[in-house]
Amino acid sequence: MSKFFSEKYKGLTPYTPGEQPKERKFIKLNTNESPYPPSKKAIEAAAEAAGCLQLYSDPEAKLLHEKIAELCGVTPDCVLATNGSDEILNFAFMAFCDDEHLAIFPDITYGFYSVFAELNRVPYKTVPLSDDFTINIEDYFNAGGTVFIANPNAPTGICLSLDEIEKIVATNQDNVVVIDEAYIDFGGESAVGLTKRYKNLLVTQTFSKSRSMAGARLGFGVACPELIRDLNTIKYSTNPYNVNSMTMAAGVGVLCDEEYTRSNCASVIANREYAMAELKALGFEMTNSKANFIFAKHPCIDGGEIYLALREKGILVRHFTGERISQYNRITVGSREQMQALISAIKEILEEKK
């Protein structure tokens, strides 16, 4: 770093995104992207919006907010669209955490939570997952700070029930609870409806996974109007035009094609169940994932070794080095053909180990 870099950030450990290879062709199962292209309606809408890029995008995202609100069964003043769900998560750390309101989240979860806490210089506490990687909801009752829970969790894919989420929200009336639903469309039950009853709940979602728009960078939050106003204060104090015109149009387009989204989600779920069954037959152990990825380990082969061997065979998965999860690999669920290629490669690796 340069001598000009602020002292307040010199200890910051940035988030490490998944590898985006350029030097060779890989079957890419490492960053939880959709194996399916965006809706044609999204592509057409984005192309049309490109003709007006000389103008700023709508800072109120009026049409997009109306479509999201319609999808979620809320009013538009309960919605805020952002540059990916990462942005609204960062806004939440800025708006609802400080020296008197620490951030609280699991010790094994989305890696950006600790980065956002450090970036915004707010204290935080991590709560250990159980030995089976599940969240003990009682650990979050009357938590005494702002709670952040990814549901389904990442990288485990384990999902809390809506009843469990409500119990956490109900016992933290004096603090905001943020439920990050990036993967909710692959088997979980959304907590969006609870925002009508609880003024301390913020639910965030993304268009990156189920709606095949990872490259567009579009996310949103749903909460009571008061919380959304708080978040808008942060937004308008940083970047009023945070969602670009083409992304905004693509978002409206894909929301007009929910049948396409639901069909893709069903395919991902079917491919996940197929791959999990095949991996179990090969001796793998895994969590009960309700996300678009599988979190698996083999009792006889080191997780890092599997990752490297798959990479040599042209397949990328995500390997983590944390002590409790170093034997696991997170495998994005791709198309049926991609998952069949994965299983074939793993069979070769297991045969080579004999």
Protein backbone atom coordinates (compact mmCIF):
# COMPACT_ATOMS: atom_id res chain seq x y z
CA MET A 1 0.00 0.00 0.00
CA SER A 2 1.10 3.58 -0.53
CA LYS A 3 2.27 5.94 2.19
CA PHE A 4 -0.94 7.90 1.61
CA PHE A 5 -3.31 5.10 2.57
CA SER A 6 -5.33 6.07 5.64
CA GLU A 7 -4.24 4.51 8.92
CA LYS A 8 -7.86 3.66 9.71
CA TYR A 9 -7.92 1.14 6.85
CA LYS A 10 -4.39 -0.30 7.00
CA GLY A 11 -5.56 -3.28 9.01
CA LEU A 12 -8.49 -4.01 6.70
CA THR A 13 -8.62 -7.51 5.20
CA PRO A 14 -10.69 -7.23 2.01
CA TYR A 15 -13.18 -9.81 0.80
CA THR A 16 -11.73 -12.36 -1.62
CA PRO A 17 -14.07 -12.95 -4.56
CA GLY A 18 -14.20 -16.29 -6.34
CA GLU A 19 -11.77 -16.86 -9.16
CA GLN A 20 -12.81 -15.53 -12.57
CA PRO A 21 -10.35 -17.33 -14.88
CA LYS A 22 -9.31 -15.87 -18.20
CA GLU A 23 -6.37 -18.02 -19.27
CA ARG A 24 -8.29 -21.23 -20.05
CA LYS A 25 -11.78 -22.66 -20.38
CA PHE A 26 -13.17 -24.08 -17.15
CA ILE A 27 -16.45 -25.57 -16.04
CA LYS A 28 -17.09 -22.84 -13.54
CA LEU A 29 -18.69 -24.13 -10.34
CA ASN A 30 -17.02 -21.76 -7.87
CA THR A 31 -19.03 -18.53 -7.61
CA ASN A 32 -22.68 -19.61 -7.42
CA GLU A 33 -23.63 -18.07 -10.74
CA SER A 34 -26.58 -19.40 -12.70
CA PRO A 35 -25.80 -21.84 -15.51
CA TYR A 36 -28.65 -20.29 -17.50
CA PRO A 37 -28.61 -17.00 -19.44
CA PRO A 38 -30.76 -14.04 -18.40
CA SER A 39 -34.34 -13.81 -19.56
CA LYS A 40 -34.69 -12.55 -23.12
CA LYS A 41 -37.01 -9.90 -21.72
CA ALA A 42 -34.20 -8.67 -19.49
CA ILE A 43 -31.71 -8.57 -22.35
CA GLU A 44 -34.12 -6.72 -24.66
CA ALA A 45 -34.99 -4.17 -21.98
CA ALA A 46 -31.32 -3.52 -21.19
CA ALA A 47 -30.51 -3.08 -24.89
CA GLU A 48 -33.28 -0.53 -25.26
CA ALA A 49 -32.08 1.37 -22.17
CA ALA A 50 -28.58 1.57 -23.68
CA GLY A 51 -29.91 4.12 -26.13
CA CYS A 52 -30.31 6.69 -23.35
CA LEU A 53 -27.04 6.28 -21.47
CA GLN A 54 -26.29 9.97 -21.90
CA LEU A 55 -28.86 10.53 -19.13
CA TYR A 56 -28.60 9.65 -15.47
CA SER A 57 -30.59 6.67 -14.27
CA ASP A 58 -33.74 7.29 -12.21
CA PRO A 59 -32.51 7.81 -8.63
CA GLU A 60 -35.91 6.71 -7.32
CA ALA A 61 -35.92 3.55 -9.47
CA LYS A 62 -39.67 4.03 -9.60
CA LEU A 63 -40.68 1.34 -12.10
CA LEU A 64 -38.23 -1.20 -10.66
CA HIS A 65 -39.43 -0.55 -7.12
CA GLU A 66 -43.02 -1.01 -8.24
CA LYS A 67 -42.21 -4.36 -9.86
CA ILE A 68 -40.24 -5.60 -6.82
CA ALA A 69 -43.04 -4.47 -4.51
CA GLU A 70 -45.56 -6.35 -6.65
CA LEU A 71 -43.42 -9.49 -6.46
CA CYS A 72 -43.04 -9.22 -2.67
CA GLY A 73 -46.61 -8.17 -1.88
CA VAL A 74 -45.60 -4.85 -0.30
CA THR A 75 -45.85 -1.18 -1.22
CA PRO A 76 -43.03 0.55 -3.14
CA ASP A 77 -42.00 2.59 -0.10
CA CYS A 78 -40.99 -0.70 1.53
CA VAL A 79 -38.38 -1.42 -1.17
CA LEU A 80 -34.88 -0.18 -1.96
CA ALA A 81 -32.94 -1.36 -5.03
CA THR A 82 -29.16 -1.35 -4.82
CA ASN A 83 -25.98 -2.15 -6.71
CA GLY A 84 -26.06 -5.83 -5.80
CA SER A 85 -27.26 -7.02 -2.41
CA ASP A 86 -23.74 -6.32 -1.12
CA GLU A 87 -24.53 -2.61 -1.29
CA ILE A 88 -27.66 -2.81 0.84
CA LEU A 89 -25.82 -5.01 3.33
CA ASN A 90 -23.13 -2.36 3.58
CA PHE A 91 -25.82 0.31 3.97
CA ALA A 92 -27.24 -1.72 6.86
CA PHE A 93 -23.87 -1.83 8.60
CA MET A 94 -23.59 1.94 8.12
CA ALA A 95 -27.15 2.74 9.21
CA PHE A 96 -27.78 0.31 12.06
CA CYS A 97 -24.38 -0.43 13.62
CA ASP A 98 -22.12 1.75 15.75
CA ASP A 99 -20.19 1.64 19.02
CA GLU A 100 -23.43 1.11 20.92
CA HIS A 101 -24.96 -1.34 18.43
CA LEU A 102 -22.45 -4.02 17.54
CA ALA A 103 -22.96 -6.38 14.59
CA ILE A 104 -23.66 -10.03 15.39
CA PHE A 105 -23.40 -12.92 12.91
CA PRO A 106 -22.26 -16.58 12.72
CA ASP A 107 -18.59 -17.47 12.73
CA ILE A 108 -19.03 -19.38 9.46
CA THR A 109 -21.08 -17.31 7.04
CA TYR A 110 -20.79 -14.85 4.15
CA GLY A 111 -17.28 -13.43 4.33
CA PHE A 112 -18.32 -9.87 3.56
CA TYR A 113 -20.01 -9.37 6.97
CA SER A 114 -16.73 -9.06 8.84
CA VAL A 115 -15.30 -6.88 6.06
CA PHE A 116 -18.26 -4.48 6.24
CA ALA A 117 -17.90 -4.32 10.02
CA GLU A 118 -14.21 -3.51 9.79
CA LEU A 119 -14.69 -1.09 6.90
CA ASN A 120 -17.29 0.86 8.86
CA ARG A 121 -15.30 0.54 12.07
CA VAL A 122 -18.09 -1.01 14.09
CA PRO A 123 -17.54 -3.69 16.75
CA TYR A 124 -18.81 -7.15 15.92
CA LYS A 125 -19.27 -10.54 17.54
CA THR A 126 -19.30 -13.90 15.81
CA VAL A 127 -21.45 -16.72 17.18
CA PRO A 128 -20.12 -20.27 16.61
CA LEU A 129 -22.26 -22.58 14.52
CA SER A 130 -23.09 -25.96 16.04
CA ASP A 131 -20.86 -28.92 15.20
CA ASP A 132 -23.21 -29.83 12.36
CA PHE A 133 -23.00 -26.24 11.02
CA THR A 134 -26.55 -25.36 12.03
CA ILE A 135 -27.51 -22.08 13.68
CA ASN A 136 -28.81 -22.34 17.24
CA ILE A 137 -31.49 -19.66 17.11
CA GLU A 138 -31.45 -19.16 20.88
CA ASP A 139 -27.94 -17.73 20.50
CA TYR A 140 -29.60 -14.75 18.82
CA PHE A 141 -32.47 -14.15 21.23
CA ASN A 142 -32.14 -10.68 22.83
CA ALA A 143 -28.80 -10.44 21.07
CA GLY A 144 -28.03 -6.87 22.12
CA GLY A 145 -26.92 -5.75 18.68
CA THR A 146 -27.76 -5.77 14.98
CA VAL A 147 -28.15 -9.36 13.79
CA PHE A 148 -27.06 -10.49 10.32
CA ILE A 149 -28.09 -13.98 9.20
CA ALA A 150 -27.73 -15.43 5.71
CA ASN A 151 -30.64 -17.78 5.08
CA PRO A 152 -29.79 -20.21 3.55
CA ASN A 153 -26.38 -19.72 5.10
CA ALA A 154 -23.23 -19.54 3.03
CA PRO A 155 -21.16 -21.60 2.50
CA THR A 156 -23.14 -24.33 4.28
CA GLY A 157 -26.45 -23.97 2.42
CA ILE A 158 -28.39 -24.81 5.60
CA CYS A 159 -31.72 -23.01 5.91
CA LEU A 160 -33.68 -21.85 8.95
CA SER A 161 -37.46 -22.19 8.86
CA LEU A 162 -39.66 -19.12 8.72
CA ASP A 163 -40.82 -19.88 12.26
CA GLU A 164 -37.20 -19.86 13.48
CA ILE A 165 -36.51 -16.56 11.73
CA GLU A 166 -39.59 -15.02 13.30
CA LYS A 167 -38.48 -16.07 16.77
CA ILE A 168 -35.16 -14.28 16.27
CA VAL A 169 -36.89 -11.14 15.00
CA ALA A 170 -39.51 -11.17 17.77
CA THR A 171 -36.89 -11.38 20.53
CA ASN A 172 -34.88 -8.43 19.20
CA GLN A 173 -37.47 -5.65 19.11
CA ASP A 174 -34.87 -3.03 20.12
CA ASN A 175 -32.43 -3.96 17.35
CA VAL A 176 -32.56 -4.50 13.60
CA VAL A 177 -32.40 -8.06 12.27
CA VAL A 178 -31.07 -8.42 8.72
CA ILE A 179 -31.95 -11.63 6.87
CA ASP A 180 -29.81 -12.06 3.78
CA GLU A 181 -31.81 -14.19 1.33
CA ALA A 182 -29.39 -14.40 -1.59
CA TYR A 183 -30.22 -18.11 -2.05
CA ILE A 184 -33.82 -18.25 -0.83
CA ASP A 185 -35.30 -19.16 -4.22
CA PHE A 186 -33.66 -22.61 -4.20
CA GLY A 187 -35.58 -24.20 -1.36
CA GLY A 188 -36.17 -21.82 1.54
CA GLU A 189 -39.19 -19.79 2.63
CA SER A 190 -38.75 -16.03 2.42
CA ALA A 191 -39.20 -13.80 5.46
CA VAL A 192 -40.36 -10.87 3.30
CA GLY A 193 -43.93 -11.26 4.58
CA LEU A 194 -42.74 -10.74 8.16
CA THR A 195 -41.68 -7.17 7.31
CA LYS A 196 -45.37 -6.22 7.46
CA ARG A 197 -45.49 -7.19 11.15
CA TYR A 198 -42.02 -6.35 12.42
CA LYS A 199 -40.51 -2.89 12.14
CA ASN A 200 -37.05 -4.20 13.05
CA LEU A 201 -36.69 -6.59 10.10
CA LEU A 202 -34.75 -5.96 6.88
CA VAL A 203 -34.77 -8.72 4.24
CA THR A 204 -32.25 -8.52 1.40
CA GLN A 205 -32.26 -10.43 -1.88
CA THR A 206 -30.31 -10.43 -5.13
CA PHE A 207 -30.89 -10.86 -8.84
CA SER A 208 -27.49 -12.56 -9.19
CA LYS A 209 -28.48 -16.16 -8.54
CA SER A 210 -32.04 -17.18 -9.39
CA ARG A 211 -32.47 -14.40 -11.96
CA SER A 212 -29.18 -14.99 -13.83
CA MET A 213 -27.98 -11.38 -13.47
CA ALA A 214 -24.73 -11.65 -11.49
CA GLY A 215 -22.93 -9.44 -14.00
CA ALA A 216 -25.61 -6.74 -13.86
CA ARG A 217 -25.18 -6.12 -10.10
CA LEU A 218 -28.70 -5.71 -8.77
CA GLY A 219 -30.07 -6.38 -5.31
CA PHE A 220 -32.80 -5.02 -3.09
CA GLY A 221 -34.07 -4.79 0.45
CA VAL A 222 -37.57 -5.00 1.87
CA ALA A 223 -38.50 -3.47 5.23
CA CYS A 224 -40.99 -1.11 6.83
CA PRO A 225 -40.97 2.41 5.32
CA GLU A 226 -39.07 3.82 8.30
CA LEU A 227 -36.10 1.48 7.82
CA ILE A 228 -36.12 2.10 4.07
CA ARG A 229 -35.97 5.84 4.73
CA ASP A 230 -32.93 5.26 6.94
CA LEU A 231 -31.24 3.30 4.17
CA ASN A 232 -32.15 5.94 1.60
CA THR A 233 -30.41 8.52 3.77
CA ILE A 234 -27.23 6.48 3.37
CA LYS A 235 -27.84 5.92 -0.34
CA TYR A 236 -28.42 9.60 -1.13
CA SER A 237 -25.34 10.47 0.91
CA THR A 238 -23.12 8.18 -1.13
CA ASN A 239 -24.48 7.59 -4.65
CA PRO A 240 -28.03 8.67 -5.61
CA TYR A 241 -27.66 6.94 -9.00
CA ASN A 242 -26.53 3.64 -7.54
CA VAL A 243 -28.34 1.40 -10.06
CA ASN A 244 -27.50 2.09 -13.70
CA SER A 245 -30.16 2.42 -16.38
CA MET A 246 -29.41 -0.83 -18.19
CA THR A 247 -29.41 -2.87 -14.99
CA MET A 248 -32.62 -1.21 -13.86
CA ALA A 249 -34.30 -2.03 -17.16
CA ALA A 250 -33.01 -5.61 -17.10
CA GLY A 251 -34.40 -5.98 -13.59
CA VAL A 252 -37.84 -4.88 -14.72
CA GLY A 253 -37.59 -7.21 -17.71
CA VAL A 254 -36.77 -10.31 -15.70
CA LEU A 255 -39.52 -9.51 -13.19
CA CYS A 256 -41.92 -9.62 -16.13
CA ASP A 257 -40.75 -13.17 -16.80
CA GLU A 258 -41.24 -14.96 -13.49
CA GLU A 259 -42.11 -18.21 -15.27
CA TYR A 260 -38.57 -18.28 -16.69
CA THR A 261 -37.07 -17.67 -13.25
CA ARG A 262 -39.19 -20.37 -11.59
CA SER A 263 -38.31 -22.86 -14.33
CA ASN A 264 -34.58 -22.21 -13.89
CA CYS A 265 -34.85 -22.57 -10.11
CA ALA A 266 -36.62 -25.91 -10.52
CA SER A 267 -33.85 -27.10 -12.83
CA VAL A 268 -31.15 -26.04 -10.38
CA ILE A 269 -32.93 -27.82 -7.53
CA ALA A 270 -33.25 -31.01 -9.62
CA ASN A 271 -29.58 -30.82 -10.60
CA ARG A 272 -28.60 -30.25 -6.96
CA GLU A 273 -30.49 -33.34 -5.81
CA TYR A 274 -28.99 -35.40 -8.63
CA ALA A 275 -25.43 -34.31 -7.80
CA MET A 276 -25.90 -34.80 -4.04
CA ALA A 277 -27.14 -38.35 -4.58
CA GLU A 278 -24.20 -39.12 -6.87
CA LEU A 279 -21.69 -37.65 -4.42
CA LYS A 280 -23.18 -39.58 -1.50
CA ALA A 281 -22.84 -42.78 -3.52
CA LEU A 282 -19.14 -41.94 -3.89
CA GLY A 283 -18.71 -41.58 -0.13
CA PHE A 284 -19.01 -37.82 0.22
CA GLU A 285 -20.53 -36.20 3.29
CA MET A 286 -22.47 -32.96 2.88
CA THR A 287 -24.85 -30.54 4.50
CA ASN A 288 -28.55 -30.40 3.66
CA SER A 289 -28.17 -27.52 1.24
CA LYS A 290 -31.18 -25.47 0.19
CA ALA A 291 -29.04 -23.16 -1.94
CA ASN A 292 -27.66 -23.35 -5.48
CA PHE A 293 -24.49 -25.00 -4.19
CA ILE A 294 -23.37 -28.14 -2.38
CA PHE A 295 -21.04 -28.11 0.63
CA ALA A 296 -19.23 -31.45 0.67
CA LYS A 297 -16.18 -33.32 1.91
CA HIS A 298 -14.76 -36.79 1.41
CA PRO A 299 -13.56 -38.73 4.47
CA CYS A 300 -10.49 -40.09 2.67
CA ILE A 301 -9.22 -37.18 0.56
CA ASP A 302 -8.13 -33.73 1.70
CA GLY A 303 -10.47 -30.96 0.59
CA GLY A 304 -7.65 -28.89 -0.85
CA GLU A 305 -6.41 -31.89 -2.80
CA ILE A 306 -9.84 -32.42 -4.33
CA TYR A 307 -10.03 -28.73 -5.27
CA LEU A 308 -6.63 -28.85 -7.01
CA ALA A 309 -7.34 -32.14 -8.75
CA LEU A 310 -10.63 -30.82 -10.12
CA ARG A 311 -8.89 -27.67 -11.28
CA GLU A 312 -6.37 -29.75 -13.19
CA LYS A 313 -9.31 -31.44 -14.90
CA GLY A 314 -10.82 -28.09 -15.89
CA ILE A 315 -13.45 -27.76 -13.15
CA LEU A 316 -13.42 -24.92 -10.65
CA VAL A 317 -15.02 -25.24 -7.21
CA ARG A 318 -14.55 -23.01 -4.14
CA HIS A 319 -12.21 -24.15 -1.39
CA PHE A 320 -12.03 -22.38 1.97
CA THR A 321 -9.10 -22.52 4.38
CA GLY A 322 -10.92 -21.80 7.64
CA GLU A 323 -10.09 -24.38 10.30
CA ARG A 324 -13.58 -25.86 10.65
CA ILE A 325 -14.32 -26.01 6.93
CA SER A 326 -10.94 -26.71 5.32
CA GLN A 327 -11.96 -30.24 4.35
CA TYR A 328 -15.02 -29.00 2.48
CA ASN A 329 -15.52 -27.66 -1.02
CA ARG A 330 -18.45 -25.53 -2.08
CA ILE A 331 -19.71 -26.69 -5.44
CA THR A 332 -22.03 -24.47 -7.45
CA VAL A 333 -24.93 -26.33 -9.00
CA GLY A 334 -24.67 -25.98 -12.76
CA SER A 335 -26.49 -27.52 -15.67
CA ARG A 336 -27.11 -31.29 -15.72
CA GLU A 337 -24.25 -31.66 -18.21
CA GLN A 338 -21.89 -29.72 -15.95
CA MET A 339 -22.83 -31.81 -12.93
CA GLN A 340 -22.33 -35.01 -14.90
CA ALA A 341 -18.87 -33.77 -15.89
CA LEU A 342 -18.14 -33.01 -12.23
CA ILE A 343 -19.17 -36.51 -11.12
CA SER A 344 -17.09 -38.12 -13.87
CA ALA A 345 -14.03 -36.08 -12.85
CA ILE A 346 -14.47 -36.99 -9.18
CA LYS A 347 -14.75 -40.68 -10.07
CA GLU A 348 -11.43 -40.35 -11.93
CA ILE A 349 -9.85 -38.65 -8.91
CA LEU A 350 -11.07 -41.37 -6.55
CA GLU A 351 -9.81 -44.06 -8.90
CA GLU A 352 -6.41 -42.36 -9.12
CA LYS A 353 -6.18 -42.37 -5.31
CA LYS A 354 -6.54 -46.15 -5.06
